[in-house]
Amino acid sequence: MAIKLGVSLYSYQQSQFFKELDLEAQIREVGENLPGANGIEIVDEMSLRYPDPGAEFVERWFGWMDRYQTVPVTMDVSFDVLQFRDHVMDHEECAERLRHDLRLAKRLGFRNVRVLSTCPLDVMIRALPLAEQLDIRLGKEIHQPMPLEGSQVTEILEFVARTGTRHLGIVPDFGIFQTRPPQVILDQFERRGASPKACAASVELAEQLTAGQAPFAAIDMSYHTAGNLRSGFKRYLNSGECEAEFRAAFSGISAITQECVAQPCELDYTVVVEALMLSRTNPDLLRQMAPQVVSIHGKFNYMSEVPGSPGTYEDAAMDYCSPLQALQAGGFDGYINSEYEGQRYFQDRTRAEMMDEVEQVRRHHEMLRRLLGV
């Protein structure tokens, strides 16, 4: 058994938007320019004419797989629950949409279907009989700031243990192993007007929280999203009101920001809050969970050259070594698909100043091959 490598074509969203890489060119890049990689992951509505791409496309799709020696690994799906004017989709409607997506994935040769981190387990269970019939594994994305210890993971593992199904599991996103705010988002905060001192304080606070040395305890992100934490802090700034569990952290953030910046603006406070948005999960849990891992999102925001080692790269804000070691020790026999999302932090720049997605993914694969020893 061995870990295999691929790419989520979501990584090339910017190049697709600017019409620099069409779908075939994205597949060609994986097959021809990433040594040892052959896995393809797509977001259905990005790469396909959804909900039915048509027979002609399906024929072209398999022709590309043969031509570039690539393999359909995971199809990412979502539910637009507000698409109807008269109601919000209920669980059964979402499950029926998921059944459609399972059939589409089977038609295109995918072995896995990934649902978003917000998808209720009940929806997955309703669609599970069809997944078992089609022999497709359903995986829920475990996305920052969700920890592996959280209820979103344990409820799936408990269901699998209780039923013995092989067709339900998790898709960990390596963003849950982020150790500090990435430099690219800090740079964007500065361009928008945040103080460099506030950005430095955010990094220092993240390190203190991870080490248990901060003036307040980290918030358990098992039950919160980054969005509700940010909105809660904004309400605290405006009114001084917040939930009791947030008070110590929000008060500490305010004090730290005011100490490092003489007259802080809202962005200064906001960038320091970024230090709270980390899962701080135990990567060794992947060793135990490896049989239930459907596939992996190899999330990264910026691949920089390792100091003193020309030609080698890292995402300095994420721990890749520990989770990769845990997956290898657990015998994980599946795909890590690179998922570059750092381009969004350059969308206030000119096209010439934006990141080269192709180069970023190539750097990510250099790191993966080196750390995995393949």
Protein backbone atom coordinates (compact mmCIF):
# COMPACT_ATOMS: atom_id res chain seq x y z
CA MET A 1 0.00 0.00 0.00
CA ALA A 2 1.20 3.52 -0.73
CA ILE A 3 0.00 7.08 -0.69
CA LYS A 4 -0.77 8.35 -4.19
CA LEU A 5 -0.66 11.91 -5.50
CA GLY A 6 -3.07 14.00 -7.53
CA VAL A 7 -4.47 17.50 -7.92
CA SER A 8 -7.80 19.12 -7.23
CA LEU A 9 -8.41 21.17 -10.36
CA TYR A 10 -9.86 23.79 -8.01
CA SER A 11 -6.18 24.76 -7.73
CA TYR A 12 -6.35 26.17 -11.26
CA GLN A 13 -9.50 28.27 -10.77
CA GLN A 14 -7.74 31.56 -11.55
CA SER A 15 -6.16 30.21 -14.74
CA GLN A 16 -9.55 28.89 -15.82
CA PHE A 17 -11.20 32.23 -15.09
CA PHE A 18 -8.65 34.08 -17.23
CA LYS A 19 -9.06 31.42 -19.97
CA GLU A 20 -5.39 30.44 -19.73
CA LEU A 21 -6.08 26.77 -18.95
CA ASP A 22 -9.18 24.91 -20.07
CA LEU A 23 -10.17 21.57 -18.56
CA GLU A 24 -8.04 19.49 -20.92
CA ALA A 25 -5.00 21.71 -20.29
CA GLN A 26 -5.44 21.28 -16.53
CA ILE A 27 -5.56 17.50 -16.89
CA ARG A 28 -2.54 17.61 -19.23
CA GLU A 29 -0.56 19.59 -16.64
CA VAL A 30 -1.18 16.88 -14.04
CA GLY A 31 -0.41 13.98 -16.36
CA GLU A 32 2.66 15.42 -18.09
CA ASN A 33 4.36 17.80 -15.65
CA LEU A 34 3.91 16.36 -12.15
CA PRO A 35 6.15 13.30 -11.76
CA GLY A 36 4.42 10.45 -9.98
CA ALA A 37 1.00 12.14 -9.95
CA ASN A 38 -2.05 10.85 -11.80
CA GLY A 39 -5.08 11.66 -9.62
CA ILE A 40 -7.78 14.09 -10.74
CA GLU A 41 -10.23 15.75 -8.38
CA ILE A 42 -12.86 18.19 -9.67
CA VAL A 43 -15.54 20.50 -8.36
CA ASP A 44 -18.49 19.41 -10.48
CA GLU A 45 -19.93 22.86 -11.21
CA MET A 46 -16.49 24.28 -12.04
CA SER A 47 -15.37 21.60 -14.49
CA LEU A 48 -18.62 20.25 -15.93
CA ARG A 49 -21.78 21.45 -17.62
CA TYR A 50 -23.82 20.54 -14.57
CA PRO A 51 -26.14 18.70 -14.00
CA ASP A 52 -25.63 16.73 -17.24
CA PRO A 53 -22.42 17.23 -19.23
CA GLY A 54 -23.75 15.07 -22.08
CA ALA A 55 -22.56 11.90 -23.79
CA GLU A 56 -20.09 13.72 -26.04
CA PHE A 57 -18.30 15.23 -23.05
CA VAL A 58 -18.16 11.87 -21.25
CA GLU A 59 -16.45 10.36 -24.27
CA ARG A 60 -13.91 13.23 -24.38
CA TRP A 61 -13.36 12.90 -20.63
CA PHE A 62 -12.30 9.27 -20.83
CA GLY A 63 -10.20 10.09 -23.89
CA TRP A 64 -8.29 12.65 -21.79
CA MET A 65 -7.84 10.13 -18.97
CA ASP A 66 -6.30 7.65 -21.44
CA ARG A 67 -4.20 10.24 -23.29
CA TYR A 68 -2.64 11.77 -20.18
CA GLN A 69 -2.59 8.58 -18.06
CA THR A 70 -4.70 10.15 -15.31
CA VAL A 71 -7.33 8.70 -12.99
CA PRO A 72 -10.65 10.20 -11.80
CA VAL A 73 -10.34 10.12 -7.99
CA THR A 74 -12.82 12.43 -6.25
CA MET A 75 -15.74 14.56 -7.40
CA ASP A 76 -16.60 17.45 -5.07
CA VAL A 77 -20.30 18.32 -4.78
CA SER A 78 -22.41 20.87 -2.93
CA PHE A 79 -26.05 21.78 -2.41
CA ASP A 80 -27.48 25.17 -3.29
CA VAL A 81 -30.20 24.93 -0.65
CA LEU A 82 -31.55 28.40 -1.57
CA GLN A 83 -32.04 27.68 -5.27
CA PHE A 84 -35.84 27.58 -5.02
CA ARG A 85 -37.86 30.77 -4.56
CA ASP A 86 -40.46 29.25 -2.25
CA HIS A 87 -38.46 27.11 0.21
CA VAL A 88 -35.09 25.98 1.55
CA MET A 89 -34.17 22.46 0.47
CA ASP A 90 -34.83 19.86 3.17
CA HIS A 91 -32.64 16.85 3.95
CA GLU A 92 -34.45 14.54 1.53
CA GLU A 93 -34.13 17.01 -1.32
CA CYS A 94 -30.40 17.33 -0.57
CA ALA A 95 -30.09 13.55 -0.44
CA GLU A 96 -31.80 13.24 -3.83
CA ARG A 97 -29.36 15.78 -5.26
CA LEU A 98 -26.51 13.75 -3.75
CA ARG A 99 -27.91 10.59 -5.37
CA HIS A 100 -27.84 12.40 -8.70
CA ASP A 101 -24.23 13.41 -8.09
CA LEU A 102 -23.28 9.85 -7.18
CA ARG A 103 -24.69 8.62 -10.49
CA LEU A 104 -22.83 11.38 -12.34
CA ALA A 105 -19.59 10.49 -10.55
CA LYS A 106 -20.01 6.84 -11.51
CA ARG A 107 -20.64 7.84 -15.12
CA LEU A 108 -17.31 9.72 -15.15
CA GLY A 109 -15.34 6.96 -13.41
CA PHE A 110 -14.83 8.65 -10.02
CA ARG A 111 -14.32 6.36 -7.04
CA ASN A 112 -15.12 8.98 -4.37
CA VAL A 113 -17.61 11.80 -3.81
CA ARG A 114 -16.80 14.58 -1.34
CA VAL A 115 -19.52 16.63 0.34
CA LEU A 116 -18.89 19.95 2.07
CA SER A 117 -18.10 20.21 5.77
CA THR A 118 -21.56 21.69 6.37
CA CYS A 119 -23.39 18.62 4.99
CA PRO A 120 -25.46 16.93 7.74
CA LEU A 121 -24.66 13.28 8.37
CA ASP A 122 -28.35 12.47 7.88
CA VAL A 123 -28.12 13.55 4.23
CA MET A 124 -25.12 11.29 3.66
CA ILE A 125 -26.84 8.34 5.34
CA ARG A 126 -29.92 8.78 3.14
CA ALA A 127 -27.73 8.55 0.02
CA LEU A 128 -25.46 5.82 1.39
CA PRO A 129 -27.41 2.81 -0.01
CA LEU A 130 -26.87 4.11 -3.55
CA ALA A 131 -23.19 4.81 -2.81
CA GLU A 132 -22.81 1.20 -1.67
CA GLN A 133 -24.64 -0.06 -4.75
CA LEU A 134 -22.40 2.00 -7.06
CA ASP A 135 -19.26 1.20 -5.01
CA ILE A 136 -18.44 4.88 -4.46
CA ARG A 137 -17.10 6.15 -1.15
CA LEU A 138 -18.80 9.19 0.36
CA GLY A 139 -16.48 11.50 2.30
CA LYS A 140 -17.24 14.59 4.36
CA GLU A 141 -14.65 17.36 4.17
CA ILE A 142 -13.06 18.14 7.53
CA HIS A 143 -12.11 21.75 6.97
CA GLN A 144 -10.41 24.36 9.11
CA PRO A 145 -11.30 25.19 11.84
CA MET A 146 -12.89 21.74 12.42
CA PRO A 147 -10.64 19.47 14.54
CA LEU A 148 -10.34 15.73 14.09
CA GLU A 149 -11.53 15.40 17.69
CA GLY A 150 -14.82 17.19 16.92
CA SER A 151 -18.33 15.80 16.71
CA GLN A 152 -18.42 16.15 12.90
CA VAL A 153 -15.77 13.42 12.73
CA THR A 154 -16.75 11.24 15.67
CA GLU A 155 -20.37 10.86 14.51
CA ILE A 156 -19.14 9.46 11.18
CA LEU A 157 -16.62 7.12 12.80
CA GLU A 158 -19.28 5.86 15.23
CA PHE A 159 -21.72 5.20 12.38
CA VAL A 160 -19.05 3.31 10.43
CA ALA A 161 -18.14 1.24 13.49
CA ARG A 162 -21.79 0.47 14.17
CA THR A 163 -22.76 -0.51 10.61
CA GLY A 164 -19.49 -1.78 9.16
CA THR A 165 -19.98 0.21 5.96
CA ARG A 166 -16.90 0.77 3.79
CA HIS A 167 -18.53 3.56 1.82
CA LEU A 168 -18.64 6.41 4.33
CA GLY A 169 -15.71 8.37 5.73
CA ILE A 170 -13.90 11.68 5.95
CA VAL A 171 -11.83 13.90 3.64
CA PRO A 172 -9.37 15.76 5.90
CA ASP A 173 -8.23 19.12 4.55
CA PHE A 174 -4.62 19.87 5.50
CA GLY A 175 -5.72 23.37 6.45
CA ILE A 176 -6.64 21.84 9.82
CA PHE A 177 -2.89 21.52 10.43
CA GLN A 178 -2.21 25.21 9.90
CA THR A 179 0.01 26.54 12.68
CA ARG A 180 -0.13 30.30 12.02
CA PRO A 181 -1.85 32.80 9.73
CA PRO A 182 -0.27 32.44 6.27
CA GLN A 183 2.01 35.24 5.16
CA VAL A 184 -0.05 35.87 2.02
CA ILE A 185 -3.14 36.77 4.05
CA LEU A 186 -1.07 38.95 6.39
CA ASP A 187 0.37 40.77 3.38
CA GLN A 188 -3.15 41.36 2.08
CA PHE A 189 -4.22 42.74 5.46
CA GLU A 190 -1.32 45.19 5.32
CA ARG A 191 -2.26 46.29 1.80
CA ARG A 192 -5.76 46.98 3.11
CA GLY A 193 -4.41 49.14 5.93
CA ALA A 194 -3.58 46.86 8.86
CA SER A 195 -0.43 47.63 10.84
CA PRO A 196 2.62 45.36 10.37
CA LYS A 197 2.79 45.25 14.18
CA ALA A 198 -0.72 43.80 14.35
CA CYS A 199 0.21 41.17 11.75
CA ALA A 200 3.31 40.22 13.76
CA ALA A 201 1.19 40.03 16.91
CA SER A 202 -1.19 37.62 15.15
CA VAL A 203 1.67 35.23 14.35
CA GLU A 204 3.09 35.44 17.87
CA LEU A 205 -0.32 34.86 19.46
CA ALA A 206 -0.97 31.83 17.23
CA GLU A 207 2.30 30.29 18.37
CA GLN A 208 1.50 31.03 22.03
CA LEU A 209 -1.98 29.53 21.77
CA THR A 210 -0.62 26.37 20.16
CA ALA A 211 2.00 26.04 22.91
CA GLY A 212 -0.54 26.78 25.66
CA GLN A 213 1.39 29.90 26.67
CA ALA A 214 -1.09 32.63 25.68
CA PRO A 215 -2.74 34.91 28.28
CA PHE A 216 -6.03 33.12 27.56
CA ALA A 217 -7.04 29.64 26.45
CA ALA A 218 -7.67 28.74 22.81
CA ILE A 219 -11.31 28.51 21.78
CA ASP A 220 -12.55 24.97 21.07
CA MET A 221 -13.42 25.20 17.38
CA SER A 222 -15.38 21.92 17.42
CA TYR A 223 -18.61 23.88 17.63
CA HIS A 224 -17.80 27.10 15.78
CA THR A 225 -17.02 28.32 12.29
CA ALA A 226 -14.50 31.00 11.41
CA GLY A 227 -17.39 33.09 10.15
CA ASN A 228 -19.37 33.13 13.39
CA LEU A 229 -16.20 33.81 15.36
CA ARG A 230 -15.38 36.83 13.19
CA SER A 231 -18.95 38.16 13.34
CA GLY A 232 -19.01 37.59 17.10
CA PHE A 233 -15.82 39.58 17.54
CA LYS A 234 -17.13 42.42 15.37
CA ARG A 235 -20.23 42.59 17.60
CA TYR A 236 -17.96 42.62 20.65
CA LEU A 237 -15.97 45.56 19.22
CA ASN A 238 -19.13 47.51 18.51
CA SER A 239 -21.11 46.76 21.67
CA GLY A 240 -18.88 44.93 24.16
CA GLU A 241 -21.33 42.02 24.08
CA CYS A 242 -20.39 38.40 23.33
CA GLU A 243 -21.02 34.82 24.42
CA ALA A 244 -19.45 33.96 27.76
CA GLU A 245 -17.07 31.39 26.20
CA PHE A 246 -15.61 34.08 23.93
CA ARG A 247 -15.16 36.84 26.51
CA ALA A 248 -11.64 35.97 27.70
CA ALA A 249 -10.32 35.55 24.14
CA PHE A 250 -12.01 38.66 22.76
CA SER A 251 -10.87 40.76 25.71
CA GLY A 252 -7.33 39.42 25.28
CA ILE A 253 -7.34 40.16 21.53
CA SER A 254 -8.41 43.75 22.24
CA ALA A 255 -5.68 44.22 24.84
CA ILE A 256 -2.95 42.72 22.63
CA THR A 257 -3.96 44.88 19.66
CA GLN A 258 -4.08 48.09 21.70
CA GLU A 259 -0.70 47.29 23.21
CA CYS A 260 1.07 46.82 19.87
CA VAL A 261 -0.73 49.53 17.84
CA ALA A 262 -1.19 53.04 19.24
CA GLN A 263 -4.48 53.77 17.48
CA PRO A 264 -5.72 50.45 16.07
CA CYS A 265 -8.24 50.36 13.25
CA GLU A 266 -10.80 47.56 12.84
CA LEU A 267 -8.44 45.69 10.48
CA ASP A 268 -5.76 45.60 13.19
CA TYR A 269 -8.14 43.84 15.54
CA THR A 270 -9.38 41.57 12.76
CA VAL A 271 -5.92 40.35 11.76
CA VAL A 272 -5.06 39.47 15.38
CA VAL A 273 -8.34 37.48 15.57
CA GLU A 274 -6.94 35.28 12.77
CA ALA A 275 -4.75 33.64 15.41
CA LEU A 276 -7.89 32.03 16.85
CA MET A 277 -9.00 30.44 13.55
CA LEU A 278 -6.85 27.32 13.81
CA SER A 279 -8.06 23.77 14.42
CA ARG A 280 -5.13 22.88 16.70
CA THR A 281 -5.99 19.25 16.11
CA ASN A 282 -3.79 16.24 16.86
CA PRO A 283 -2.32 15.01 13.53
CA ASP A 284 -1.52 11.59 14.99
CA LEU A 285 -5.24 10.84 15.02
CA LEU A 286 -4.91 10.23 11.28
CA ARG A 287 -2.94 7.09 12.09
CA GLN A 288 -6.00 5.61 13.80
CA MET A 289 -8.48 7.04 11.30
CA ALA A 290 -6.61 6.01 8.14
CA PRO A 291 -9.14 3.28 7.17
CA GLN A 292 -11.94 5.85 7.25
CA VAL A 293 -10.04 8.48 5.24
CA VAL A 294 -11.57 8.58 1.76
CA SER A 295 -9.03 11.00 0.27
CA ILE A 296 -7.05 14.05 1.38
CA HIS A 297 -7.16 17.70 0.39
CA GLY A 298 -3.54 18.82 0.29
CA LYS A 299 -4.43 22.43 1.13
CA PHE A 300 -1.75 25.10 0.80
CA ASN A 301 -1.69 28.89 0.45
CA TYR A 302 1.85 29.69 -0.61
CA MET A 303 4.87 27.53 -1.38
CA SER A 304 8.08 29.37 -0.53
CA GLU A 305 11.65 28.14 -0.92
CA VAL A 306 13.05 26.43 2.17
CA PRO A 307 15.77 28.72 3.58
CA GLY A 308 19.20 27.41 2.63
CA SER A 309 17.80 24.69 0.34
CA PRO A 310 17.39 25.97 -3.23
CA GLY A 311 14.81 24.05 -5.23
CA THR A 312 12.94 22.73 -2.19
CA TYR A 313 9.68 24.24 -1.01
CA GLU A 314 7.30 24.44 1.95
CA ASP A 315 4.12 26.10 3.13
CA ALA A 316 5.62 27.73 6.19
CA ALA A 317 2.21 28.15 7.84
CA MET A 318 1.26 24.45 7.81
CA ASP A 319 2.54 21.30 9.45
CA TYR A 320 2.82 18.70 6.70
CA CYS A 321 5.41 16.39 8.27
CA SER A 322 3.35 15.16 11.23
CA PRO A 323 0.12 14.27 9.39
CA LEU A 324 2.01 12.64 6.51
CA GLN A 325 3.91 10.46 8.97
CA ALA A 326 0.64 9.55 10.69
CA LEU A 327 -1.00 8.58 7.40
CA GLN A 328 1.97 6.42 6.43
CA ALA A 329 2.02 4.75 9.84
CA GLY A 330 -1.72 4.07 9.57
CA GLY A 331 -1.34 2.44 6.15
CA PHE A 332 -3.40 5.02 4.26
CA ASP A 333 -3.82 3.72 0.72
CA GLY A 334 -5.36 6.64 -1.13
CA TYR A 335 -4.80 9.99 -2.76
CA ILE A 336 -3.54 13.33 -1.50
CA ASN A 337 -4.84 15.86 -4.00
CA SER A 338 -3.12 19.25 -3.96
CA GLU A 339 -5.55 22.11 -3.36
CA TYR A 340 -4.06 25.56 -3.86
CA GLU A 341 -6.18 28.39 -2.45
CA GLY A 342 -3.63 31.17 -2.05
CA GLN A 343 -4.62 32.91 -5.28
CA ARG A 344 -7.57 34.55 -3.50
CA TYR A 345 -5.15 36.62 -1.42
CA PHE A 346 -3.80 38.30 -4.55
CA GLN A 347 -7.10 39.28 -6.13
CA ASP A 348 -6.54 42.92 -5.16
CA ARG A 349 -3.43 42.97 -7.38
CA THR A 350 -2.88 43.23 -11.13
CA ARG A 351 -2.79 40.03 -13.19
CA ALA A 352 1.00 40.30 -13.48
CA GLU A 353 1.32 40.33 -9.68
CA MET A 354 -0.95 37.33 -9.08
CA MET A 355 0.43 33.93 -8.23
CA ASP A 356 1.32 31.38 -10.90
CA GLU A 357 -0.97 28.51 -9.91
CA VAL A 358 0.82 25.99 -12.11
CA GLU A 359 4.18 26.77 -10.48
CA GLN A 360 2.66 26.71 -7.00
CA VAL A 361 1.22 23.23 -7.54
CA ARG A 362 4.52 21.98 -8.98
CA ARG A 363 6.29 23.25 -5.87
CA HIS A 364 3.73 21.53 -3.66
CA HIS A 365 4.40 18.23 -5.39
CA GLU A 366 8.13 18.64 -4.90
CA MET A 367 7.46 18.93 -1.16
CA LEU A 368 5.06 15.97 -1.09
CA ARG A 369 7.45 13.68 -2.97
CA ARG A 370 10.33 14.70 -0.72
CA LEU A 371 8.42 14.25 2.56
CA LEU A 372 6.88 10.96 1.45
CA GLY A 373 10.12 9.63 0.01
CA VAL A 374 8.60 8.82 -3.39
